[in-house]
Every structure is written in C-alpha cells, then in structure tokens.
Protein backbone atom coordinates (compact mmCIF):
# COMPACT_ATOMS: atom_id res chain seq x y z
CA MET A 1 58.73 -51.68 -58.84
CA THR A 2 56.21 -53.47 -56.23
CA ASP A 3 55.66 -53.10 -52.58
CA SER A 4 57.08 -56.42 -51.77
CA PRO A 5 60.72 -57.72 -51.33
CA PRO A 6 61.94 -60.87 -53.03
CA ARG A 7 60.35 -63.65 -51.70
CA GLY A 8 63.50 -64.73 -49.71
CA ALA A 9 64.52 -61.28 -48.49
CA ALA A 10 64.08 -60.44 -44.76
CA ARG A 11 60.86 -62.46 -44.63
CA THR A 12 59.54 -65.27 -42.40
CA LYS A 13 59.16 -68.64 -44.21
CA ARG A 14 55.83 -68.82 -45.91
CA THR A 15 53.70 -71.95 -46.80
CA PRO A 16 51.39 -71.56 -49.82
CA THR A 17 47.68 -71.61 -49.09
CA THR A 18 46.49 -75.06 -49.47
CA ALA A 19 43.32 -76.98 -48.88
CA ALA A 20 44.59 -77.92 -45.58
CA SER A 21 45.24 -74.49 -44.40
CA ARG A 22 41.89 -73.23 -45.70
CA LYS A 23 40.31 -75.97 -43.63
CA TYR A 24 42.17 -74.70 -40.50
CA SER A 25 40.79 -71.09 -41.05
CA ALA A 26 37.56 -72.17 -39.42
CA HIS A 27 39.37 -71.95 -36.14
CA ARG A 28 41.01 -69.11 -34.41
CA THR A 29 44.60 -68.67 -34.52
CA ASN A 30 46.76 -69.33 -31.49
CA ILE A 31 47.74 -65.93 -30.51
CA GLN A 32 48.95 -65.48 -26.81
CA PRO A 33 50.93 -62.83 -24.79
CA VAL A 34 54.65 -63.61 -25.14
CA ALA A 35 57.09 -63.28 -22.27
CA SER A 36 59.94 -60.89 -22.79
CA THR A 37 62.53 -63.59 -22.08
CA THR A 38 61.21 -65.88 -24.91
CA THR A 39 63.79 -66.28 -27.69
CA TYR A 40 62.89 -66.35 -31.56
CA PRO A 41 64.43 -67.59 -34.68
CA GLU A 42 66.99 -65.47 -36.07
CA VAL A 43 65.24 -64.81 -39.31
CA PRO A 44 63.83 -61.09 -39.11
CA ILE A 45 60.31 -60.85 -38.26
CA VAL A 46 58.58 -58.93 -41.37
CA MET A 47 54.93 -59.21 -41.18
CA ARG A 48 52.28 -58.31 -43.85
CA PHE A 49 49.37 -56.39 -42.44
CA LEU A 50 46.28 -56.03 -44.53
CA LEU A 51 44.05 -53.32 -43.42
CA THR A 52 40.23 -52.93 -44.15
CA THR A 53 37.39 -50.88 -42.96
CA LEU A 54 33.89 -49.48 -43.97
CA PRO A 55 33.86 -47.17 -47.07
CA GLY A 56 34.17 -44.08 -45.05
CA THR A 57 37.11 -41.65 -44.58
CA SER A 58 36.32 -41.46 -40.91
CA HIS A 59 36.79 -45.23 -40.50
CA LEU A 60 40.17 -45.21 -42.36
CA LEU A 61 41.74 -42.36 -40.61
CA PRO A 62 42.30 -43.84 -37.18
CA LEU A 63 44.18 -46.84 -38.71
CA VAL A 64 46.83 -44.75 -40.28
CA PRO A 65 49.17 -44.17 -37.10
CA PHE A 66 49.25 -48.12 -36.82
CA ALA A 67 49.91 -48.45 -40.49
CA GLN A 68 52.74 -45.80 -40.51
CA ALA A 69 54.18 -47.30 -37.49
CA ALA A 70 54.16 -50.85 -39.12
CA LEU A 71 55.85 -49.41 -42.32
CA ALA A 72 58.47 -47.52 -40.22
CA ALA A 73 59.38 -50.83 -38.32
CA GLY A 74 60.05 -52.43 -41.82
CA HIS A 75 56.85 -54.38 -42.14
CA GLU A 76 54.54 -54.32 -45.19
CA VAL A 77 51.12 -52.68 -45.36
CA ARG A 78 48.24 -52.68 -47.73
CA VAL A 79 44.67 -51.34 -47.41
CA ALA A 80 41.71 -53.27 -49.10
CA CYS A 81 38.69 -50.98 -48.99
CA ALA A 82 36.17 -49.07 -51.07
CA GLY A 83 34.40 -45.83 -51.36
CA PRO A 84 36.02 -42.68 -50.06
CA ALA A 85 38.20 -44.79 -47.55
CA LEU A 86 40.23 -45.83 -50.74
CA PRO A 87 41.45 -42.30 -51.70
CA ALA A 88 41.94 -41.46 -48.03
CA ALA A 89 44.39 -44.33 -47.67
CA VAL A 90 46.31 -43.32 -50.87
CA ALA A 91 46.34 -39.80 -49.46
CA ALA A 92 48.03 -41.11 -46.16
CA GLY A 93 50.83 -42.70 -48.37
CA LEU A 94 49.37 -46.30 -48.08
CA HIS A 95 49.44 -48.77 -50.92
CA ALA A 96 45.69 -49.50 -51.50
CA LEU A 97 43.44 -51.61 -53.57
CA ALA A 98 39.60 -51.60 -54.26
CA VAL A 99 37.80 -54.71 -53.00
CA ASP A 100 34.90 -54.25 -55.60
CA ASP A 101 33.56 -51.77 -58.28
CA GLY A 102 32.02 -49.37 -55.56
CA ALA A 103 29.01 -51.57 -54.96
CA SER A 104 29.94 -52.10 -51.20
CA ALA A 105 29.87 -48.33 -50.58
CA ARG A 106 26.19 -47.83 -51.55
CA PRO A 107 24.38 -49.39 -48.49
CA TYR A 108 27.11 -47.47 -46.27
CA ASP A 109 26.25 -44.20 -48.16
CA GLU A 110 22.54 -44.50 -48.00
CA ILE A 111 22.65 -45.30 -44.13
CA VAL A 112 24.76 -42.17 -43.70
CA ARG A 113 22.44 -40.08 -45.92
CA ARG A 114 19.41 -41.23 -43.94
CA ILE A 115 21.00 -40.26 -40.60
CA GLY A 116 21.86 -36.84 -42.03
CA GLU A 117 18.74 -36.16 -43.82
CA THR A 118 16.00 -37.72 -42.18
CA ASP A 119 14.72 -37.88 -38.58
CA MET A 120 15.33 -41.73 -38.40
CA THR A 121 17.37 -41.38 -35.12
CA GLU A 122 14.77 -39.53 -33.43
CA LYS A 123 11.75 -41.47 -34.61
CA LEU A 124 12.70 -45.03 -34.76
CA PRO A 125 12.68 -47.38 -31.70
CA PRO A 126 16.13 -48.26 -30.71
CA ALA A 127 15.78 -51.93 -31.68
CA GLU A 128 14.61 -50.94 -35.02
CA LEU A 129 17.38 -48.32 -35.55
CA HIS A 130 20.12 -50.83 -34.61
CA ALA A 131 18.64 -53.23 -36.92
CA GLN A 132 18.87 -51.02 -39.76
CA PHE A 133 22.42 -50.22 -38.89
CA ALA A 134 23.27 -53.78 -38.84
CA ALA A 135 21.53 -54.53 -42.17
CA ALA A 136 23.53 -51.64 -43.84
CA PHE A 137 26.84 -52.79 -42.31
CA GLY A 138 26.07 -56.53 -43.00
CA GLU A 139 25.30 -55.73 -46.74
CA THR A 140 28.43 -53.62 -47.05
CA GLY A 141 30.33 -56.77 -45.42
CA ASN A 142 28.85 -59.19 -47.81
CA LEU A 143 29.79 -57.02 -50.88
CA MET A 144 33.23 -56.59 -49.73
CA LEU A 145 34.01 -60.09 -48.52
CA GLY A 146 34.87 -61.71 -51.97
CA GLY A 147 37.18 -58.95 -52.92
CA LEU A 148 38.99 -59.03 -49.41
CA VAL A 149 39.46 -62.87 -49.39
CA GLU A 150 40.94 -62.49 -52.76
CA ALA A 151 43.32 -59.59 -51.51
CA ILE A 152 44.45 -61.54 -48.67
CA ARG A 153 45.25 -64.78 -50.54
CA GLU A 154 47.06 -63.09 -53.45
CA TRP A 155 49.27 -61.19 -51.27
CA ASP A 156 49.72 -64.05 -48.77
CA ALA A 157 49.08 -61.43 -45.71
CA ASP A 158 50.02 -62.41 -42.18
CA ALA A 159 47.14 -60.49 -40.44
CA VAL A 160 44.01 -58.67 -41.43
CA VAL A 161 43.34 -55.56 -39.15
CA TYR A 162 39.86 -54.42 -39.30
CA THR A 163 37.55 -51.98 -37.56
CA PRO A 164 34.57 -53.10 -35.38
CA MET A 165 31.90 -52.39 -37.96
CA ALA A 166 33.83 -53.70 -40.87
CA VAL A 167 32.86 -57.23 -40.14
CA ALA A 168 33.95 -58.75 -43.44
CA GLY A 169 37.52 -58.33 -41.95
CA LEU A 170 36.91 -61.00 -39.40
CA VAL A 171 35.22 -63.44 -41.65
CA ALA A 172 37.98 -62.99 -44.44
CA ALA A 173 40.58 -63.59 -41.90
CA ARG A 174 39.01 -66.77 -40.62
CA ALA A 175 38.62 -67.97 -44.34
CA THR A 176 42.02 -67.51 -45.09
CA GLY A 177 43.62 -68.76 -41.85
CA LYS A 178 45.11 -65.38 -40.86
CA THR A 179 45.44 -63.62 -37.72
CA ALA A 180 42.26 -61.21 -37.09
CA ILE A 181 43.07 -58.00 -35.44
CA VAL A 182 40.28 -55.55 -34.53
CA HIS A 183 41.46 -52.03 -34.25
CA GLY A 184 39.30 -49.63 -32.22
CA LEU A 185 38.15 -46.39 -33.41
CA GLY A 186 37.66 -44.66 -30.10
CA THR A 187 35.28 -45.92 -27.57
CA ARG A 188 35.85 -49.51 -27.18
CA TRP A 189 33.49 -52.05 -29.00
CA PRO A 190 33.87 -55.78 -29.77
CA THR A 191 33.20 -56.71 -33.63
CA TYR A 192 29.54 -55.71 -34.29
CA GLY A 193 27.71 -58.99 -33.83
CA PRO A 194 24.33 -57.70 -35.28
CA ALA A 195 26.05 -57.08 -38.50
CA LEU A 196 28.17 -60.09 -38.44
CA ALA A 197 25.12 -62.19 -38.41
CA HIS A 198 24.33 -61.05 -41.84
CA LEU A 199 27.29 -62.68 -43.19
CA ARG A 200 26.43 -66.18 -41.96
CA SER A 201 25.65 -67.71 -45.30
CA ALA A 202 28.61 -66.16 -46.93
CA ALA A 203 30.89 -67.44 -43.98
CA THR A 204 29.39 -71.12 -44.38
CA ASP A 205 30.13 -70.96 -48.06
CA LEU A 206 33.79 -70.28 -47.34
CA GLY A 207 33.91 -73.14 -44.85
CA VAL A 208 34.12 -70.74 -41.68
CA THR A 209 31.99 -72.08 -38.68
CA GLU A 210 33.95 -69.98 -35.89
CA TYR A 211 33.96 -66.14 -36.27
CA ALA A 212 32.86 -64.68 -33.01
CA GLU A 213 35.78 -62.38 -32.32
CA ALA A 214 39.34 -61.51 -33.37
CA ASP A 215 42.53 -62.91 -32.09
CA ILE A 216 43.85 -59.57 -31.06
CA GLU A 217 42.26 -56.36 -30.19
CA ILE A 218 43.89 -52.90 -30.31
CA ASP A 219 42.14 -50.85 -27.65
CA VAL A 220 42.79 -46.84 -28.08
CA SER A 221 40.35 -45.54 -25.49
CA PRO A 222 41.60 -44.25 -22.10
CA PRO A 223 41.10 -46.44 -19.19
CA SER A 224 38.96 -43.95 -17.03
CA LEU A 225 36.45 -43.77 -20.10
CA GLU A 226 36.30 -47.41 -20.36
CA ALA A 227 35.53 -47.72 -16.72
CA ILE A 228 32.39 -45.58 -17.29
CA HIS A 229 31.68 -47.50 -20.53
CA HIS A 230 31.68 -50.69 -18.96
CA ARG A 231 29.42 -49.78 -15.96
CA THR A 232 26.93 -48.15 -18.49
CA THR A 233 26.86 -50.40 -21.53
CA PRO A 234 28.64 -53.65 -20.46
CA ALA A 235 29.50 -56.09 -23.22
CA PRO A 236 30.00 -59.93 -22.18
CA THR A 237 33.65 -60.40 -21.67
CA GLU A 238 33.77 -63.45 -23.87
CA THR A 239 33.11 -61.42 -26.92
CA TYR A 240 36.53 -59.65 -26.72
CA ALA A 241 39.63 -60.90 -28.23
CA GLY A 242 42.08 -63.17 -26.23
CA LEU A 243 44.98 -60.80 -26.40
CA ILE A 244 44.18 -57.06 -25.94
CA GLU A 245 46.92 -54.55 -26.69
CA HIS A 246 46.32 -50.97 -25.49
CA MET A 247 47.53 -48.06 -27.64
CA ARG A 248 47.82 -44.41 -27.64
CA TYR A 249 45.16 -42.83 -29.89
CA LEU A 250 47.17 -40.49 -32.28
CA PRO A 251 44.72 -38.15 -33.89
CA TYR A 252 45.36 -38.30 -37.86
CA ASN A 253 43.29 -36.08 -40.10
CA GLY A 254 45.64 -35.83 -43.08
CA GLY A 255 48.35 -33.35 -43.88
CA GLY A 256 47.78 -29.67 -44.41
CA GLU A 257 49.55 -26.43 -44.74
CA LEU A 258 49.29 -24.49 -41.49
CA PRO A 259 48.40 -20.91 -42.11
CA ALA A 260 50.07 -18.08 -40.23
CA TRP A 261 47.13 -17.14 -38.20
CA LEU A 262 47.11 -20.54 -36.68
CA ARG A 263 50.75 -20.68 -35.97
CA ALA A 264 50.83 -17.35 -34.29
CA PRO A 265 50.66 -17.09 -30.58
CA ARG A 266 47.09 -16.59 -29.25
CA THR A 267 46.23 -13.03 -27.97
CA GLY A 268 42.82 -11.29 -27.49
CA ARG A 269 39.59 -13.40 -27.90
CA ARG A 270 39.41 -17.11 -27.07
CA ARG A 271 39.17 -19.54 -29.83
CA ILE A 272 36.41 -22.19 -30.49
CA ALA A 273 36.48 -24.90 -33.18
CA ALA A 274 33.22 -26.25 -34.72
CA THR A 275 33.08 -29.29 -36.88
CA LEU A 276 30.34 -31.73 -37.84
CA GLY A 277 32.83 -34.37 -39.18
CA SER A 278 33.99 -35.46 -42.56
CA LEU A 279 30.56 -36.42 -44.07
CA THR A 280 28.86 -33.62 -45.97
CA ALA A 281 25.30 -35.24 -45.13
CA THR A 282 25.87 -34.61 -41.45
CA TYR A 283 25.67 -30.63 -42.21
CA GLY A 284 22.17 -30.98 -43.67
CA ASP A 285 20.86 -27.66 -44.71
CA GLY A 286 23.25 -25.62 -42.52
CA THR A 287 20.61 -24.94 -39.62
CA LEU A 288 22.86 -26.63 -37.08
CA LEU A 289 25.96 -24.49 -38.24
CA ARG A 290 23.59 -21.42 -38.03
CA HIS A 291 22.79 -22.29 -34.33
CA ILE A 292 26.50 -22.62 -33.48
CA ILE A 293 27.46 -19.28 -35.13
CA LYS A 294 24.51 -17.36 -33.45
CA GLY A 295 25.32 -19.04 -30.17
CA ALA A 296 28.74 -17.76 -30.05
CA ALA A 297 27.84 -14.35 -30.98
CA ASP A 298 28.04 -12.74 -27.53
CA LEU A 299 30.68 -14.85 -26.04
CA ASP A 300 33.68 -12.71 -27.39
CA VAL A 301 35.22 -15.59 -29.22
CA GLU A 302 36.67 -16.40 -32.57
CA VAL A 303 34.88 -19.47 -34.28
CA ILE A 304 37.05 -21.72 -36.52
CA LEU A 305 34.38 -23.15 -38.77
CA MET A 306 35.54 -26.38 -40.25
CA THR A 307 32.97 -27.49 -42.88
CA GLY A 308 35.10 -29.68 -45.34
CA ASP A 309 32.99 -29.68 -48.65
CA ALA A 310 29.65 -28.73 -47.15
CA THR A 311 28.05 -25.43 -48.09
CA LEU A 312 28.64 -22.36 -45.87
CA PRO A 313 25.34 -21.09 -44.36
CA GLY A 314 25.15 -17.77 -45.98
CA PRO A 315 27.18 -14.58 -45.15
CA LEU A 316 29.25 -14.96 -42.17
CA PRO A 317 29.94 -12.47 -39.25
CA ASP A 318 33.51 -11.16 -38.78
CA TYR A 319 34.00 -13.34 -35.66
CA VAL A 320 33.76 -16.60 -37.73
CA ARG A 321 36.85 -17.87 -39.72
CA PRO A 322 35.72 -20.52 -42.28
CA VAL A 323 38.26 -23.23 -43.29
CA PRO A 324 37.43 -26.00 -45.52
CA TRP A 325 40.08 -28.37 -44.29
CA LEU A 326 42.76 -28.42 -41.81
CA PRO A 327 44.17 -31.15 -39.49
CA LEU A 328 41.84 -30.97 -36.58
CA ARG A 329 44.41 -31.67 -34.04
CA ALA A 330 46.52 -28.73 -35.20
CA VAL A 331 43.50 -26.37 -34.83
CA LEU A 332 42.66 -27.60 -31.37
CA GLU A 333 46.07 -26.67 -29.82
CA SER A 334 44.88 -23.03 -29.77
CA CYS A 335 41.34 -23.68 -28.76
CA ALA A 336 39.56 -23.15 -25.67
CA ALA A 337 36.54 -25.49 -26.73
CA VAL A 338 35.22 -27.41 -29.59
CA VAL A 339 31.74 -27.98 -30.82
CA HIS A 340 31.17 -31.26 -32.69
CA HIS A 341 28.72 -34.08 -33.47
CA GLY A 342 30.07 -36.79 -31.30
CA GLY A 343 32.08 -38.67 -34.01
CA ALA A 344 34.92 -40.75 -32.49
CA GLY A 345 37.63 -38.76 -34.59
CA SER A 346 36.53 -35.34 -33.31
CA MET A 347 35.88 -36.53 -29.74
CA TYR A 348 39.20 -38.32 -29.38
CA ALA A 349 41.32 -35.49 -31.18
CA ALA A 350 39.77 -33.30 -28.49
CA LEU A 351 40.45 -35.64 -25.57
CA ASP A 352 44.10 -35.81 -26.83
CA ALA A 353 44.33 -32.02 -26.90
CA GLY A 354 42.65 -31.56 -23.45
CA VAL A 355 40.13 -29.32 -24.95
CA PRO A 356 36.61 -29.11 -23.39
CA GLN A 357 33.83 -30.28 -25.76
CA LEU A 358 30.11 -29.41 -26.49
CA VAL A 359 28.66 -32.52 -28.14
CA LEU A 360 25.64 -32.38 -30.47
CA PRO A 361 24.96 -36.16 -31.05
CA ASP A 362 22.41 -38.17 -32.98
CA ARG A 363 20.24 -40.46 -30.79
CA GLY A 364 20.80 -44.10 -30.96
CA THR A 365 24.31 -43.79 -32.75
CA ASP A 366 27.81 -44.23 -31.56
CA SER A 367 27.78 -40.52 -31.15
CA ASP A 368 25.08 -40.83 -28.56
CA THR A 369 27.39 -43.10 -26.52
CA ASN A 370 30.38 -40.91 -27.08
CA ALA A 371 28.62 -37.92 -25.80
CA GLN A 372 27.28 -39.90 -22.66
CA LEU A 373 30.85 -40.96 -21.70
CA ALA A 374 32.30 -37.51 -22.31
CA VAL A 375 29.73 -35.96 -20.16
CA SER A 376 30.21 -38.60 -17.42
CA ARG A 377 33.93 -38.19 -17.39
CA GLY A 378 33.47 -34.32 -16.92
CA VAL A 379 35.11 -33.36 -20.07
CA ALA A 380 32.07 -32.30 -22.16
CA LEU A 381 28.63 -30.99 -22.07
CA ARG A 382 25.94 -32.23 -24.57
CA LEU A 383 22.74 -30.96 -26.39
CA ASP A 384 20.47 -33.36 -27.71
CA THR A 385 18.53 -32.60 -30.99
CA ALA A 386 15.47 -31.17 -29.35
CA GLN A 387 17.62 -28.93 -27.14
CA ILE A 388 19.55 -27.32 -29.73
CA ALA A 389 19.08 -23.65 -30.25
CA ALA A 390 21.31 -20.55 -30.37
CA THR A 391 20.45 -19.88 -26.77
CA THR A 392 21.15 -23.16 -25.48
CA ILE A 393 24.53 -23.29 -27.42
CA GLU A 394 25.47 -19.91 -25.98
CA GLN A 395 24.76 -21.21 -22.26
CA SER A 396 26.71 -24.50 -22.91
CA LEU A 397 29.66 -22.62 -24.42
CA GLY A 398 29.70 -20.07 -21.87
CA ALA A 399 29.66 -22.60 -19.06
CA LEU A 400 32.57 -24.67 -20.62
CA LEU A 401 34.68 -21.66 -21.22
CA ASP A 402 34.39 -20.62 -17.59
CA SER A 403 34.58 -24.10 -16.03
CA PRO A 404 37.83 -24.99 -14.23
CA SER A 405 36.57 -28.71 -13.55
CA HIS A 406 36.02 -29.23 -17.27
CA ARG A 407 39.50 -27.99 -18.11
CA ASP A 408 41.10 -30.04 -15.19
CA ALA A 409 39.26 -33.19 -16.37
CA CYS A 410 40.33 -32.69 -19.89
CA ALA A 411 44.01 -32.32 -18.66
CA GLU A 412 43.63 -35.56 -16.78
CA VAL A 413 42.31 -37.63 -19.77
CA ALA A 414 45.08 -36.03 -22.19
CA GLN A 415 47.72 -37.14 -19.71
CA GLU A 416 46.43 -40.56 -19.46
CA MET A 417 46.17 -41.05 -23.21
CA HIS A 418 49.65 -39.91 -23.64
CA GLY A 419 50.89 -42.48 -21.10
CA LEU A 420 49.76 -45.39 -23.18
CA PRO A 421 52.02 -47.43 -25.35
CA ALA A 422 52.73 -45.79 -28.81
CA PRO A 423 51.65 -47.57 -31.97
CA SER A 424 55.49 -48.60 -32.72
CA THR A 425 55.56 -50.50 -29.44
CA VAL A 426 52.11 -52.18 -30.15
CA VAL A 427 53.24 -53.13 -33.67
CA ASP A 428 56.41 -54.81 -32.14
CA ARG A 429 54.42 -56.65 -29.59
CA ILE A 430 51.67 -57.80 -32.21
CA SER A 431 54.32 -58.75 -34.72
CA THR A 432 56.30 -60.78 -32.12
CA ALA A 433 53.03 -62.66 -30.87
CA ILE A 434 52.28 -63.69 -34.50
CA ALA A 435 55.73 -64.97 -35.22
CA ALA A 436 55.64 -66.82 -31.88
CA ALA A 437 52.37 -68.45 -32.91
CA LYS A 438 53.80 -69.50 -36.30
CA VAL A 439 56.76 -71.38 -34.80
CA GLY A 440 54.57 -72.73 -31.70
CA VAL A 441 56.23 -70.80 -29.06
C-alpha cells in the first residue's frame, strides 16, 4: 500500500518535470485570488501538499491542523523534515520522510542549546544575535535543501508548505516550479530573509534567481495583535506573499489521555499552568521552575507543572501537580492563568483559550516580540530575565489573577481568533487558487 492513488484516479492532470519546467521554477507561480463565480474543470481537485519545517517539534505542531484538514478534504500530504519534527509528524498520523541523515538538525540543536544554557541572548548586541540565528537557520536550510528538492520531485507535489524560518522550503519550491506557501507559526513574519541569504549559492546552483517570498501566506495571528505588530516592528509590504489567507490558529500539542482530575469541575483553589515549552534546554538547571513554584506559594493556587522530559527541581510542595505531558490547550480550559517562556505555541494556545499570561521571554528572540505584543494587547504581563525572582512572579501572578481588564482582553482576542476561517476553508481556497493557476483561469 502507498499513500498515493493510481495516477489517473481523482487527480488533476500532471506534466512530468522537464528541463523546461525546471527553468520556469526560477519565477513565482501565478497564484491569484479567485472569484466565487469562476467555473473549473470537472476533474476533481486533488492536491499534493508537501510540508517542511525546521528540525524542532514546536515548528511542526502548528502545521498539523492544516495537514489534517487537507487529508480530510481528500488531498494528499507528506512531511519532509529532520530531527524531532520527524517523529512528531508521524505521531500526528502524517506520512513523513527524512530529508537527510540528521545532519541538518545539528546547527538547529546547537543554537537552541546555546539559548538555553548560555547568556548569549543577554550579552550579545541585537545585530550579532540575529546574525547567529540567521547563520544557524541558513546552515540548516542548506543541509535540508537537496533532500527536500528530491522529495518534491519524486512525489510530484503541487505545493510546498513551509514555516518562515524553514527557508529551504521556498528555494526548493522555486527549484521545482511548485507553489510556495509560507505557513505562520503565530505572530506574523515573512520568510526569514537573513537566513535565506545563506542559501544564495545553493539557489544559484539550482537555477533559481528569484526567491524573495512565497506565492501564498497562511496568517494565523489575530488582526488586533498584528495591528500592534505592524506599528512596532513593521516589515516592508513587498516582502509578503501576493495572496494572503487568514486562518484560525488551532492549538495542536498531540494527543493524550485526560486524567480524572483534569476533567472534573473546578472547585476550591484556582489553577495555574506553567510550561517552558517542548525543548529540554529551555528548562536549564531548574532555577526558573523553582522561582515559579516559590512565587505561587502564597497565592492559594494549584500549579500544573508541565515539564516534558526535563528534570524536576527537587521535592515539590503539595500545591504543585507535575505532569510530563498533556495537551496544553486541554489543561488551559481549567486555568485562571499560565506562566510560559513566550514560545508561539504556548502563547497562541493561551490566546485561543482566553487565559491571561505571565511571559518570561529571552531577549532578542521571537519570544521577546511575542511577549511585547501580548502585553501591548492587554492579555499578559512580562518579566525579563533580570527581573525574574520568586517575589516578582508572585506579584505578577497576583495581579493577573485579580485583573478584570486582562480577562476581558483575553476574551476579546479569543473571540476574534475563533471567528477566523477554519483550516478546512483555507485548504479549499488554496486548492482552488492553485488549480486555477494551472489552467490559466
């Protein structure tokens, strides 16, 4: 058995990849919004979406709702990636393949380790910090590119869906003449140009000369946050894709058996969730977790400590309930607040749940921007590294728990997110646009 139907079954007609089609790949595909009155060929539209991202679990999970919606609509999906993203894709029920022997995960793992175990985000000037991020993601992209191009060609994918930092996805789409779709992880960013610059030589070798941005962007960030984002860190409008599809962010953290204590109606003490994300390096030596635990001691709350595979910080008091892994969104349903590191997955799960946030970001990273936006929107408080202590965490959590304005802002953003188009709608729109471009509509 394979994941592909016979070549003539419910598929749009395909043209084998030729030298001519590879030459065309140096240019953007002609994707345009399609009017609802447009008529199409009677042949069913069945697309092949090849998804790729950086070699991290947190970069793969936000793609899963789109992938599942595509499968449910009768399309075909493959994931081509490396590192922990690969088993995460398999665990999500997706067909996946490795783009290399694991080499591309090493520069990514190293920059993540340095963020978690050193003071680089506090000591390095912003320009140098971003240069190091760009170099790491660029090296990862160069190491993924060959396998990614091969995966696209051997399957004859229709479109390549990639995340903003996974710049090899854009170059591979251009090299194979496929539609390039950049899928946001949360806060809206175009394809990461500084990392893309590191692929210039490889792109030239593939005959690709134009690769500034994708054809289509999937934007999952609520408009009120993006209005703040645009005012504070504007990106040139020409760097964004020609067709932008807004889509509801659906938190996906994998499956999990929900214990009785989580399903039971809440009584007594309020509940706080605490997570530092899916990367063990983020937890360091446990100091930050100890500050969180001690800071909650006098607040009359229950702390759900979500630590993944990280080592717990010694004996825990009775108001702390440690859980190695549960779907975060399910936990947040019963929480009055959440403490997290500013990662997009944690922040947007909390936004979707309408839960106030205390953010503890790393300076100069995307978590720093996320925290700034959340505070500006009135859904969060933040503590920077130099401010973090048990006393400041207690003060900040106490303020969040007793703040009607934060709860009201959280409810507003959650309602805004829930009103955005579902992934199924966006899959249909994108499939229609790609099919129309193929037949010249």
